[in-house]
Every structure is written in structure tokens, then in C-alpha cells.
């Protein structure tokens, strides 16, 4: 999907290579600016609120510095039994996270924030996907983490990287699990492009 030539430039407010790759695969022209913000991690705040807050925090940081652009930010969290699993701090925590997910169903929630030029038309939305893991032994988990770096991934896994070793089923958007719910995002970008592309 190409944005109209008259539409403002699109900035991805994220350093995630997975989100950038999803946008490129969709044929969307964009640039990347990494938001220099401290993401909030709070075990008390509901997962949806936490992800939405972080997505907006990143988006608005970039939007304030580039007021002529359309800015896209997102935050993905894995939730199991109502508890958010963010990025692990080390390999042992990564093993513990995947061990918790093994043989059960969890939710992947991505909150997205789109901010129009001059900080107008800020739109927030979120998409949830239910993911079920296979039963896994400790050896299975360590073998998986020998193939995939889990330290920059919420929940310490990536569906697109040897996901067949972990995943039993996915109910909903697989791109949401990867980092951007592309089906919902493309609908909103098309609507936004119609507004700014006139």
C-alpha cells in the first residue's frame, strides 16, 4: 500500500526490526526514528493500559520533534494469567518466561498509536491474539534460545523465528504476534491517507 504523494511522511517511532520489516513487506514507505523514552513496566497496571501508555509515549516523543509527519508507535506485551511479560533482562529470565508459557494459552496484545501532523488526530487502538504453546521441556527451551536471541522480545520468543518449535496454535493476527497488527493498521493508514492526501 502506497501513501498518496501529498500525504505527510510516515515515521515509525520504533527501533524494532520486526515492525520495520512488516511495513516494508506491505509496500509502505517510511523512515525510522528511535524514541528516546523510558518504557513503563508496572505489574499493577492492566496489560492493555500499560501497552497503550507506552505506545503513546513513544509516538508523541517523535511527533513533538517532527510536527509535519504522521507518526506510528506501538508496544507489544505478552500476557499470561493477567500478568504482563515484557522483554527479559537476561537469558535465565527468558527461560523462565517460556517455561511459564509452555503447554498453555497466553495473549499477545499490541497497542498502536497514530499521530497526525501538528499533533492532531491522535488515534489509539489495540489488537489481541491468543497463542497456545506446545508442552516444552527445559532442553526444548534452551535449544530454542540457542537459535533465537530472546532478550529484545516480549515474552522471550518470536513467532517468526523457529516458531514451529514452540507454537501449537494462533487465534487471530499472526503479524500482531510479530509486532504490528497489519490488518487493522492498513485500514487506519488508508483512512488517514485519504484525509491528508487530499
N, C-alpha and C. Protein backbone atom coordinates (compact mmCIF):
# COMPACT_ATOMS: atom_id res chain seq x y z
N UNK A 1 0.84 -1.19 0.00
CA UNK A 1 0.00 0.00 0.00
C UNK A 1 0.88 1.24 0.00
N UNK A 2 0.68 2.11 -0.97
CA UNK A 2 1.46 3.34 -1.04
C UNK A 2 0.61 4.50 -0.54
N UNK A 3 1.20 5.34 0.31
CA UNK A 3 0.50 6.54 0.75
C UNK A 3 0.52 7.55 -0.39
N UNK A 4 -0.52 8.40 -0.51
CA UNK A 4 -0.53 9.41 -1.57
C UNK A 4 0.69 10.31 -1.47
N UNK A 5 1.14 10.81 -2.64
CA UNK A 5 2.33 11.66 -2.66
C UNK A 5 2.14 12.91 -1.82
N UNK A 6 0.89 13.36 -1.70
CA UNK A 6 0.62 14.58 -0.94
C UNK A 6 0.47 14.33 0.56
N UNK A 7 0.46 13.06 0.96
CA UNK A 7 0.33 12.72 2.37
C UNK A 7 1.64 13.04 3.11
N UNK A 8 1.56 13.33 4.39
CA UNK A 8 2.79 13.59 5.15
C UNK A 8 3.65 12.35 5.22
N UNK A 9 4.94 12.55 5.43
CA UNK A 9 5.82 11.39 5.53
C UNK A 9 5.48 10.59 6.78
N UNK A 10 5.66 9.29 6.69
CA UNK A 10 5.36 8.40 7.80
C UNK A 10 6.64 8.07 8.55
N UNK A 11 6.59 8.23 9.86
CA UNK A 11 7.73 7.88 10.71
C UNK A 11 7.33 6.74 11.63
N UNK A 12 8.13 5.70 11.67
CA UNK A 12 7.95 4.61 12.62
C UNK A 12 8.76 4.95 13.87
N UNK A 13 8.05 5.16 14.97
CA UNK A 13 8.71 5.52 16.23
C UNK A 13 9.07 4.24 16.98
N UNK A 14 10.01 3.50 16.43
CA UNK A 14 10.39 2.22 17.00
C UNK A 14 11.72 1.77 16.43
N UNK A 15 12.51 1.12 17.26
CA UNK A 15 13.75 0.53 16.79
C UNK A 15 13.59 -0.94 16.44
N UNK A 16 12.36 -1.43 16.43
CA UNK A 16 12.10 -2.85 16.19
C UNK A 16 12.33 -3.22 14.72
N UNK A 17 13.27 -4.10 14.43
CA UNK A 17 13.45 -4.53 13.04
C UNK A 17 12.26 -5.33 12.53
N UNK A 18 11.52 -5.97 13.43
CA UNK A 18 10.36 -6.76 13.01
C UNK A 18 9.23 -5.84 12.52
N UNK A 19 9.00 -4.75 13.22
CA UNK A 19 7.96 -3.81 12.78
C UNK A 19 8.34 -3.16 11.45
N UNK A 20 9.60 -2.81 11.32
CA UNK A 20 10.06 -2.22 10.06
C UNK A 20 9.89 -3.19 8.91
N UNK A 21 10.19 -4.45 9.14
CA UNK A 21 10.07 -5.45 8.08
C UNK A 21 8.61 -5.66 7.67
N UNK A 22 7.70 -5.63 8.63
CA UNK A 22 6.28 -5.78 8.31
C UNK A 22 5.80 -4.63 7.44
N UNK A 23 6.23 -3.41 7.74
CA UNK A 23 5.84 -2.26 6.93
C UNK A 23 6.43 -2.35 5.53
N UNK A 24 7.70 -2.77 5.45
CA UNK A 24 8.33 -2.91 4.13
C UNK A 24 7.62 -3.97 3.29
N UNK A 25 7.26 -5.09 3.92
CA UNK A 25 6.56 -6.16 3.20
C UNK A 25 5.21 -5.69 2.67
N UNK A 26 4.61 -4.71 3.36
CA UNK A 26 3.32 -4.16 2.92
C UNK A 26 3.49 -3.08 1.85
N UNK A 27 4.73 -2.76 1.52
CA UNK A 27 5.00 -1.76 0.48
C UNK A 27 4.82 -0.33 0.94
N UNK A 28 4.95 -0.10 2.23
CA UNK A 28 4.76 1.24 2.78
C UNK A 28 6.10 1.95 2.91
N UNK A 29 6.17 3.18 2.40
CA UNK A 29 7.38 3.99 2.54
C UNK A 29 7.36 4.68 3.90
N UNK A 30 8.46 4.60 4.61
CA UNK A 30 8.53 5.19 5.95
C UNK A 30 9.99 5.42 6.31
N UNK A 31 10.20 6.16 7.37
CA UNK A 31 11.53 6.29 7.95
C UNK A 31 11.45 5.93 9.43
N UNK A 32 12.57 5.62 10.01
CA UNK A 32 12.61 5.18 11.40
C UNK A 32 13.30 6.23 12.26
N UNK A 33 12.66 6.58 13.36
CA UNK A 33 13.30 7.42 14.37
C UNK A 33 13.07 6.74 15.72
N UNK A 34 14.16 6.44 16.38
CA UNK A 34 14.06 5.73 17.66
C UNK A 34 13.67 6.70 18.77
N UNK A 35 12.57 6.45 19.49
CA UNK A 35 12.16 7.34 20.57
C UNK A 35 13.03 7.14 21.81
N UNK A 36 13.61 8.19 22.30
CA UNK A 36 14.48 8.11 23.47
C UNK A 36 13.65 8.29 24.73
N UNK A 37 12.86 7.27 25.03
CA UNK A 37 11.99 7.31 26.21
C UNK A 37 12.23 6.06 27.06
N UNK A 38 11.88 6.16 28.30
CA UNK A 38 11.96 5.03 29.23
C UNK A 38 10.58 4.38 29.29
N UNK A 39 10.47 3.17 28.74
CA UNK A 39 9.18 2.49 28.78
C UNK A 39 8.79 2.16 30.21
N UNK A 40 7.49 2.17 30.46
CA UNK A 40 6.98 1.93 31.80
C UNK A 40 6.68 0.44 31.97
N UNK A 41 7.15 -0.12 33.05
CA UNK A 41 6.87 -1.52 33.40
C UNK A 41 6.29 -1.52 34.81
N UNK A 42 5.04 -1.91 34.90
CA UNK A 42 4.32 -1.83 36.17
C UNK A 42 3.43 -3.05 36.30
N UNK A 43 3.70 -3.88 37.28
CA UNK A 43 2.95 -5.12 37.46
C UNK A 43 1.51 -4.88 37.89
N UNK A 44 1.21 -3.68 38.39
CA UNK A 44 -0.13 -3.38 38.90
C UNK A 44 -1.06 -2.91 37.78
N UNK A 45 -0.53 -2.17 36.82
CA UNK A 45 -1.34 -1.60 35.74
C UNK A 45 -1.81 -2.70 34.79
N UNK A 46 -3.11 -2.71 34.41
CA UNK A 46 -3.59 -3.71 33.45
C UNK A 46 -2.78 -3.67 32.15
N UNK A 47 -2.64 -4.85 31.55
CA UNK A 47 -1.77 -5.00 30.37
C UNK A 47 -2.15 -4.04 29.25
N UNK A 48 -3.45 -3.94 28.95
CA UNK A 48 -3.89 -3.07 27.87
C UNK A 48 -3.54 -1.61 28.11
N UNK A 49 -3.71 -1.15 29.33
CA UNK A 49 -3.39 0.24 29.67
C UNK A 49 -1.88 0.48 29.58
N UNK A 50 -1.12 -0.50 30.03
CA UNK A 50 0.34 -0.37 30.02
C UNK A 50 0.87 -0.27 28.59
N UNK A 51 0.39 -1.14 27.72
CA UNK A 51 0.84 -1.12 26.33
C UNK A 51 0.41 0.17 25.65
N UNK A 52 -0.82 0.61 25.89
CA UNK A 52 -1.31 1.85 25.28
C UNK A 52 -0.50 3.05 25.74
N UNK A 53 -0.16 3.08 27.01
CA UNK A 53 0.64 4.19 27.55
C UNK A 53 2.01 4.23 26.89
N UNK A 54 2.66 3.08 26.78
CA UNK A 54 3.99 3.04 26.18
C UNK A 54 3.96 3.39 24.68
N UNK A 55 2.93 2.91 23.98
CA UNK A 55 2.81 3.23 22.55
C UNK A 55 2.64 4.73 22.34
N UNK A 56 1.79 5.35 23.16
CA UNK A 56 1.57 6.80 23.04
C UNK A 56 2.81 7.58 23.46
N UNK A 57 3.50 7.11 24.48
CA UNK A 57 4.72 7.77 24.95
C UNK A 57 5.74 7.86 23.82
N UNK A 58 5.95 6.75 23.13
CA UNK A 58 6.94 6.70 22.04
C UNK A 58 6.50 7.55 20.85
N UNK A 59 5.21 7.45 20.52
CA UNK A 59 4.69 8.19 19.37
C UNK A 59 4.81 9.69 19.58
N UNK A 60 4.37 10.17 20.74
CA UNK A 60 4.34 11.61 20.97
C UNK A 60 5.75 12.19 21.12
N UNK A 61 6.69 11.39 21.62
CA UNK A 61 8.08 11.88 21.72
C UNK A 61 8.60 12.23 20.33
N UNK A 62 8.35 11.34 19.37
CA UNK A 62 8.80 11.59 18.00
C UNK A 62 7.96 12.69 17.34
N UNK A 63 6.64 12.66 17.54
CA UNK A 63 5.75 13.63 16.90
C UNK A 63 6.07 15.06 17.30
N UNK A 64 6.46 15.25 18.55
CA UNK A 64 6.78 16.60 19.01
C UNK A 64 8.03 17.15 18.33
N UNK A 65 8.93 16.27 17.93
CA UNK A 65 10.16 16.70 17.26
C UNK A 65 10.02 16.77 15.75
N UNK A 66 8.96 16.16 15.21
CA UNK A 66 8.72 16.15 13.76
C UNK A 66 7.25 16.46 13.51
N UNK A 67 6.86 17.71 13.75
CA UNK A 67 5.43 18.06 13.73
C UNK A 67 4.76 17.96 12.36
N UNK A 68 5.53 17.84 11.29
CA UNK A 68 4.91 17.72 9.97
C UNK A 68 4.64 16.30 9.54
N UNK A 69 4.99 15.34 10.37
CA UNK A 69 4.91 13.93 9.97
C UNK A 69 3.70 13.22 10.57
N UNK A 70 3.37 12.10 9.96
CA UNK A 70 2.44 11.13 10.54
C UNK A 70 3.30 10.11 11.28
N UNK A 71 3.09 9.96 12.57
CA UNK A 71 3.96 9.13 13.39
C UNK A 71 3.21 7.90 13.89
N UNK A 72 3.88 6.75 13.77
CA UNK A 72 3.33 5.47 14.19
C UNK A 72 4.20 4.88 15.29
N UNK A 73 3.58 4.58 16.42
CA UNK A 73 4.28 3.92 17.52
C UNK A 73 3.49 2.72 17.99
N UNK A 74 4.16 1.77 18.61
CA UNK A 74 3.47 0.56 19.07
C UNK A 74 4.19 -0.03 20.27
N UNK A 75 3.46 -0.83 21.02
CA UNK A 75 4.06 -1.56 22.13
C UNK A 75 3.38 -2.92 22.22
N UNK A 76 4.17 -3.96 22.28
CA UNK A 76 3.64 -5.33 22.33
C UNK A 76 3.98 -5.96 23.66
N UNK A 77 2.97 -6.54 24.30
CA UNK A 77 3.18 -7.25 25.56
C UNK A 77 2.54 -8.63 25.49
N UNK A 78 3.19 -9.57 26.13
CA UNK A 78 2.64 -10.91 26.30
C UNK A 78 2.00 -10.98 27.68
N UNK A 79 0.80 -11.51 27.72
CA UNK A 79 0.07 -11.58 28.99
C UNK A 79 -0.30 -13.02 29.29
N UNK A 80 0.06 -13.47 30.48
CA UNK A 80 -0.31 -14.81 30.93
C UNK A 80 -0.89 -14.69 32.34
N UNK A 81 -2.10 -15.21 32.51
CA UNK A 81 -2.81 -15.11 33.79
C UNK A 81 -2.90 -13.66 34.26
N UNK A 82 -3.09 -12.74 33.32
CA UNK A 82 -3.25 -11.33 33.65
C UNK A 82 -1.96 -10.59 33.94
N UNK A 83 -0.83 -11.26 33.85
CA UNK A 83 0.46 -10.62 34.13
C UNK A 83 1.21 -10.34 32.83
N UNK A 84 1.74 -9.13 32.73
CA UNK A 84 2.48 -8.75 31.52
C UNK A 84 3.89 -9.30 31.56
N UNK A 85 4.30 -9.89 30.45
CA UNK A 85 5.69 -10.32 30.29
C UNK A 85 6.32 -9.40 29.25
N UNK A 86 7.25 -8.59 29.65
CA UNK A 86 7.93 -7.68 28.74
C UNK A 86 9.19 -8.38 28.21
N UNK A 87 10.23 -7.63 27.93
CA UNK A 87 11.48 -8.23 27.45
C UNK A 87 12.28 -8.74 28.66
N UNK A 88 12.84 -9.93 28.57
CA UNK A 88 13.61 -10.46 29.71
C UNK A 88 14.92 -9.70 29.89
N UNK A 89 15.39 -9.66 31.12
CA UNK A 89 16.63 -8.93 31.42
C UNK A 89 17.87 -9.78 31.15
N UNK A 90 17.70 -11.10 31.18
CA UNK A 90 18.83 -11.98 30.90
C UNK A 90 18.30 -13.33 30.41
N UNK A 91 19.21 -14.22 30.07
CA UNK A 91 18.82 -15.50 29.48
C UNK A 91 18.05 -16.37 30.46
N UNK A 92 18.42 -16.31 31.72
CA UNK A 92 17.71 -17.13 32.71
C UNK A 92 16.26 -16.69 32.85
N UNK A 93 16.05 -15.37 32.85
CA UNK A 93 14.67 -14.87 32.91
C UNK A 93 13.91 -15.25 31.64
N UNK A 94 14.60 -15.26 30.51
CA UNK A 94 13.98 -15.69 29.25
C UNK A 94 13.52 -17.14 29.34
N UNK A 95 14.38 -18.01 29.88
CA UNK A 95 13.99 -19.42 30.06
C UNK A 95 12.76 -19.53 30.96
N UNK A 96 12.75 -18.75 32.04
CA UNK A 96 11.63 -18.79 32.98
C UNK A 96 10.34 -18.36 32.33
N UNK A 97 10.41 -17.31 31.49
CA UNK A 97 9.21 -16.83 30.80
C UNK A 97 8.62 -17.90 29.89
N UNK A 98 9.46 -18.50 29.06
CA UNK A 98 8.95 -19.50 28.12
C UNK A 98 8.47 -20.74 28.86
N UNK A 99 9.11 -21.07 29.97
CA UNK A 99 8.66 -22.19 30.79
C UNK A 99 7.24 -21.94 31.29
N UNK A 100 6.94 -20.68 31.65
CA UNK A 100 5.58 -20.33 32.11
C UNK A 100 4.56 -20.46 30.99
N UNK A 101 5.00 -20.22 29.75
CA UNK A 101 4.08 -20.25 28.62
C UNK A 101 3.87 -21.66 28.07
N UNK A 102 4.80 -22.55 28.37
CA UNK A 102 4.76 -23.90 27.79
C UNK A 102 3.47 -24.64 28.16
N UNK A 103 2.83 -25.22 27.13
CA UNK A 103 1.65 -26.04 27.36
C UNK A 103 0.40 -25.29 27.73
N UNK A 104 0.39 -23.96 27.55
CA UNK A 104 -0.79 -23.18 27.91
C UNK A 104 -1.03 -22.07 26.90
N UNK A 105 -2.17 -21.41 27.03
CA UNK A 105 -2.55 -20.33 26.13
C UNK A 105 -2.29 -18.98 26.79
N UNK A 106 -1.72 -18.06 26.02
CA UNK A 106 -1.49 -16.70 26.51
C UNK A 106 -2.00 -15.71 25.47
N UNK A 107 -2.00 -14.45 25.83
CA UNK A 107 -2.46 -13.38 24.95
C UNK A 107 -1.30 -12.49 24.56
N UNK A 108 -1.23 -12.15 23.29
CA UNK A 108 -0.28 -11.14 22.82
C UNK A 108 -1.10 -9.90 22.46
N UNK A 109 -0.80 -8.79 23.10
CA UNK A 109 -1.52 -7.54 22.86
C UNK A 109 -0.56 -6.50 22.32
N UNK A 110 -0.92 -5.92 21.17
CA UNK A 110 -0.15 -4.81 20.62
C UNK A 110 -1.03 -3.57 20.63
N UNK A 111 -0.56 -2.54 21.31
CA UNK A 111 -1.22 -1.24 21.28
C UNK A 111 -0.52 -0.39 20.24
N UNK A 112 -1.30 0.32 19.44
CA UNK A 112 -0.77 1.16 18.37
C UNK A 112 -1.26 2.58 18.56
N UNK A 113 -0.39 3.54 18.29
CA UNK A 113 -0.77 4.95 18.35
C UNK A 113 -0.35 5.61 17.04
N UNK A 114 -1.28 6.31 16.40
CA UNK A 114 -1.02 7.10 15.20
C UNK A 114 -1.25 8.56 15.53
N UNK A 115 -0.28 9.40 15.21
CA UNK A 115 -0.41 10.83 15.50
C UNK A 115 -0.22 11.62 14.21
N UNK A 116 -1.24 12.39 13.83
CA UNK A 116 -1.17 13.19 12.61
C UNK A 116 -0.30 14.41 12.78
N UNK A 117 -0.04 15.11 11.68
CA UNK A 117 0.78 16.32 11.73
C UNK A 117 0.24 17.33 12.74
N UNK A 118 1.16 18.09 13.32
CA UNK A 118 0.82 19.12 14.31
C UNK A 118 0.10 18.53 15.53
N UNK A 119 0.41 17.27 15.82
CA UNK A 119 -0.15 16.56 16.97
C UNK A 119 -1.68 16.49 16.93
N UNK A 120 -2.23 16.49 15.72
CA UNK A 120 -3.68 16.36 15.57
C UNK A 120 -4.06 14.91 15.31
N UNK A 121 -5.33 14.61 15.58
CA UNK A 121 -5.89 13.29 15.25
C UNK A 121 -5.04 12.15 15.81
N UNK A 122 -4.84 12.18 17.11
CA UNK A 122 -4.14 11.07 17.76
C UNK A 122 -5.13 9.92 17.91
N UNK A 123 -4.77 8.77 17.35
CA UNK A 123 -5.66 7.60 17.37
C UNK A 123 -4.95 6.44 18.03
N UNK A 124 -5.62 5.82 18.99
CA UNK A 124 -5.08 4.65 19.68
C UNK A 124 -5.98 3.45 19.40
N UNK A 125 -5.38 2.31 19.17
CA UNK A 125 -6.16 1.07 19.10
C UNK A 125 -5.26 -0.09 19.52
N UNK A 126 -5.89 -1.21 19.81
CA UNK A 126 -5.13 -2.38 20.25
C UNK A 126 -5.74 -3.65 19.66
N UNK A 127 -4.90 -4.64 19.44
CA UNK A 127 -5.33 -5.92 18.90
C UNK A 127 -4.77 -7.03 19.78
N UNK A 128 -5.59 -8.03 20.07
CA UNK A 128 -5.16 -9.17 20.87
C UNK A 128 -5.18 -10.45 20.02
N UNK A 129 -4.20 -11.29 20.26
CA UNK A 129 -4.12 -12.60 19.61
C UNK A 129 -3.87 -13.65 20.69
N UNK A 130 -4.59 -14.77 20.59
CA UNK A 130 -4.39 -15.86 21.55
C UNK A 130 -3.42 -16.87 20.96
N UNK A 131 -2.40 -17.18 21.72
CA UNK A 131 -1.34 -18.09 21.27
C UNK A 131 -1.22 -19.25 22.25
N UNK A 132 -1.20 -20.45 21.71
CA UNK A 132 -1.03 -21.63 22.55
C UNK A 132 0.31 -22.28 22.24
N UNK A 133 1.09 -22.54 23.29
CA UNK A 133 2.39 -23.20 23.15
C UNK A 133 2.24 -24.71 23.31
N UNK A 134 3.14 -25.42 22.66
CA UNK A 134 3.27 -26.85 22.88
C UNK A 134 3.83 -27.09 24.29
N UNK A 135 3.64 -28.26 24.86
CA UNK A 135 4.40 -28.62 26.07
C UNK A 135 5.89 -28.62 25.72
N UNK A 136 6.71 -28.04 26.58
CA UNK A 136 8.15 -27.91 26.30
C UNK A 136 8.97 -28.35 27.50
N UNK A 137 10.03 -29.07 27.23
CA UNK A 137 10.99 -29.42 28.29
C UNK A 137 12.00 -28.29 28.42
N UNK A 138 12.78 -28.32 29.50
CA UNK A 138 13.84 -27.32 29.67
C UNK A 138 14.85 -27.41 28.52
N UNK A 139 15.12 -28.61 28.05
CA UNK A 139 16.03 -28.77 26.91
C UNK A 139 15.46 -28.13 25.65
N UNK A 140 14.14 -28.29 25.46
CA UNK A 140 13.48 -27.66 24.30
C UNK A 140 13.66 -26.14 24.35
N UNK A 141 13.47 -25.59 25.53
CA UNK A 141 13.55 -24.13 25.69
C UNK A 141 14.96 -23.64 25.46
N UNK A 142 15.93 -24.32 26.03
CA UNK A 142 17.33 -23.90 25.86
C UNK A 142 17.78 -24.07 24.41
N UNK A 143 17.30 -25.11 23.75
CA UNK A 143 17.63 -25.30 22.33
C UNK A 143 17.04 -24.18 21.49
N UNK A 144 15.82 -23.77 21.83
CA UNK A 144 15.19 -22.67 21.10
C UNK A 144 15.98 -21.38 21.29
N UNK A 145 16.35 -21.10 22.53
CA UNK A 145 17.08 -19.86 22.81
C UNK A 145 18.52 -19.89 22.29
N UNK A 146 19.00 -21.05 21.94
CA UNK A 146 20.31 -21.12 21.28
C UNK A 146 20.20 -20.67 19.82
N UNK A 147 18.98 -20.72 19.28
CA UNK A 147 18.74 -20.31 17.89
C UNK A 147 18.26 -18.87 17.78
N UNK A 148 17.58 -18.40 18.81
CA UNK A 148 16.92 -17.09 18.76
C UNK A 148 17.34 -16.26 19.96
N UNK A 149 17.73 -15.01 19.71
CA UNK A 149 18.04 -14.10 20.82
C UNK A 149 16.73 -13.63 21.45
N UNK A 150 16.44 -14.01 22.70
CA UNK A 150 15.16 -13.66 23.29
C UNK A 150 15.15 -12.31 24.02
N UNK A 151 16.30 -11.67 24.16
CA UNK A 151 16.40 -10.53 25.08
C UNK A 151 15.73 -9.26 24.58
N UNK A 152 15.42 -9.19 23.27
CA UNK A 152 14.74 -8.00 22.76
C UNK A 152 13.30 -8.31 22.36
N UNK A 153 12.74 -9.37 22.95
CA UNK A 153 11.41 -9.83 22.55
C UNK A 153 10.51 -9.99 23.77
N UNK A 154 9.33 -9.39 23.71
CA UNK A 154 8.36 -9.56 24.78
C UNK A 154 8.00 -11.04 24.90
N UNK A 155 8.06 -11.56 26.12
CA UNK A 155 7.76 -12.97 26.33
C UNK A 155 8.88 -13.91 25.98
N UNK A 156 10.02 -13.35 25.51
CA UNK A 156 11.25 -14.12 25.23
C UNK A 156 11.12 -15.10 24.07
N UNK A 157 10.24 -14.77 23.11
CA UNK A 157 10.16 -15.62 21.92
C UNK A 157 9.73 -14.78 20.73
N UNK A 158 9.89 -15.34 19.53
CA UNK A 158 9.47 -14.68 18.30
C UNK A 158 8.76 -15.71 17.43
N UNK A 159 7.51 -15.42 17.09
CA UNK A 159 6.73 -16.37 16.29
C UNK A 159 7.35 -16.60 14.92
N UNK A 160 8.03 -15.58 14.39
CA UNK A 160 8.58 -15.67 13.04
C UNK A 160 9.97 -16.31 13.01
N UNK A 161 10.54 -16.60 14.15
CA UNK A 161 11.88 -17.21 14.21
C UNK A 161 11.77 -18.58 14.88
N UNK A 162 11.75 -19.62 14.05
CA UNK A 162 11.65 -21.00 14.55
C UNK A 162 10.44 -21.19 15.46
N UNK A 163 9.37 -20.43 15.16
CA UNK A 163 8.17 -20.50 15.97
C UNK A 163 7.52 -21.87 15.99
N UNK A 164 7.79 -22.69 14.94
CA UNK A 164 7.21 -24.03 14.89
C UNK A 164 7.69 -24.90 16.05
N UNK A 165 8.81 -24.53 16.66
CA UNK A 165 9.31 -25.29 17.81
C UNK A 165 8.47 -25.04 19.07
N UNK A 166 7.74 -23.92 19.08
CA UNK A 166 7.01 -23.52 20.28
C UNK A 166 5.49 -23.55 20.09
N UNK A 167 5.02 -23.09 18.92
CA UNK A 167 3.61 -22.79 18.75
C UNK A 167 2.77 -24.01 18.40
N UNK A 168 1.67 -24.14 19.12
CA UNK A 168 0.68 -25.16 18.78
C UNK A 168 -0.43 -24.55 17.94
N UNK A 169 -0.88 -23.34 18.31
CA UNK A 169 -1.93 -22.67 17.54
C UNK A 169 -1.89 -21.17 17.78
N UNK A 170 -2.44 -20.43 16.80
CA UNK A 170 -2.56 -18.98 16.89
C UNK A 170 -3.98 -18.61 16.48
N UNK A 171 -4.69 -17.93 17.38
CA UNK A 171 -6.05 -17.48 17.10
C UNK A 171 -6.03 -15.97 16.91
N UNK A 172 -6.10 -15.53 15.64
CA UNK A 172 -6.07 -14.10 15.38
C UNK A 172 -4.90 -13.73 14.48
N UNK A 173 -4.49 -12.49 14.56
CA UNK A 173 -3.47 -11.94 13.67
C UNK A 173 -2.07 -12.41 14.04
N UNK A 174 -1.40 -13.10 13.11
CA UNK A 174 -0.03 -13.53 13.37
C UNK A 174 0.93 -12.33 13.32
N UNK A 175 0.62 -11.32 12.48
CA UNK A 175 1.51 -10.15 12.44
C UNK A 175 1.44 -9.38 13.76
N UNK A 176 0.32 -9.48 14.44
CA UNK A 176 0.21 -8.87 15.76
C UNK A 176 1.21 -9.49 16.73
N UNK A 177 1.37 -10.81 16.63
CA UNK A 177 2.32 -11.51 17.49
C UNK A 177 3.75 -11.09 17.14
N UNK A 178 3.98 -10.81 15.86
CA UNK A 178 5.31 -10.40 15.43
C UNK A 178 5.61 -8.96 15.87
N UNK A 179 4.58 -8.11 15.96
CA UNK A 179 4.85 -6.76 16.46
C UNK A 179 3.97 -5.65 15.94
N UNK A 180 3.19 -5.91 14.86
CA UNK A 180 2.24 -4.90 14.36
C UNK A 180 1.02 -5.62 13.79
N UNK A 181 -0.18 -5.27 14.23
CA UNK A 181 -1.39 -5.88 13.67
C UNK A 181 -1.67 -5.26 12.30
N UNK A 182 -1.10 -5.83 11.25
CA UNK A 182 -1.08 -5.17 9.95
C UNK A 182 -2.48 -5.03 9.35
N UNK A 183 -3.37 -5.98 9.58
CA UNK A 183 -4.71 -5.89 9.00
C UNK A 183 -5.41 -4.62 9.50
N UNK A 184 -5.41 -4.43 10.81
CA UNK A 184 -6.06 -3.25 11.39
C UNK A 184 -5.29 -1.98 11.06
N UNK A 185 -3.97 -2.07 11.05
CA UNK A 185 -3.15 -0.89 10.77
C UNK A 185 -3.36 -0.38 9.35
N UNK A 186 -3.40 -1.29 8.37
CA UNK A 186 -3.55 -0.87 6.98
C UNK A 186 -4.89 -0.17 6.76
N UNK A 187 -5.94 -0.64 7.43
CA UNK A 187 -7.24 0.03 7.33
C UNK A 187 -7.14 1.47 7.82
N UNK A 188 -6.48 1.67 8.93
CA UNK A 188 -6.37 3.02 9.51
C UNK A 188 -5.44 3.91 8.69
N UNK A 189 -4.36 3.34 8.15
CA UNK A 189 -3.48 4.12 7.31
C UNK A 189 -4.19 4.56 6.03
N UNK A 190 -5.02 3.70 5.48
CA UNK A 190 -5.77 4.06 4.27
C UNK A 190 -6.73 5.21 4.57
N UNK A 191 -7.38 5.15 5.72
CA UNK A 191 -8.31 6.22 6.12
C UNK A 191 -7.55 7.51 6.38
N UNK A 192 -6.40 7.39 7.05
CA UNK A 192 -5.59 8.56 7.35
C UNK A 192 -5.04 9.18 6.07
N UNK A 193 -4.62 8.34 5.14
CA UNK A 193 -4.09 8.83 3.86
C UNK A 193 -5.15 9.59 3.08
N UNK A 194 -6.40 9.12 3.18
CA UNK A 194 -7.49 9.80 2.49
C UNK A 194 -7.70 11.21 3.04
N UNK A 195 -7.47 11.36 4.36
CA UNK A 195 -7.62 12.67 4.98
C UNK A 195 -6.50 13.61 4.58
N UNK A 196 -5.25 13.13 4.71
CA UNK A 196 -4.10 14.01 4.48
C UNK A 196 -3.65 14.05 3.03
N UNK A 197 -4.16 13.10 2.23
CA UNK A 197 -3.72 13.04 0.84
C UNK A 197 -4.57 13.87 -0.11
N UNK A 198 -5.51 14.62 0.44
CA UNK A 198 -6.38 15.43 -0.43
C UNK A 198 -5.61 16.64 -0.97
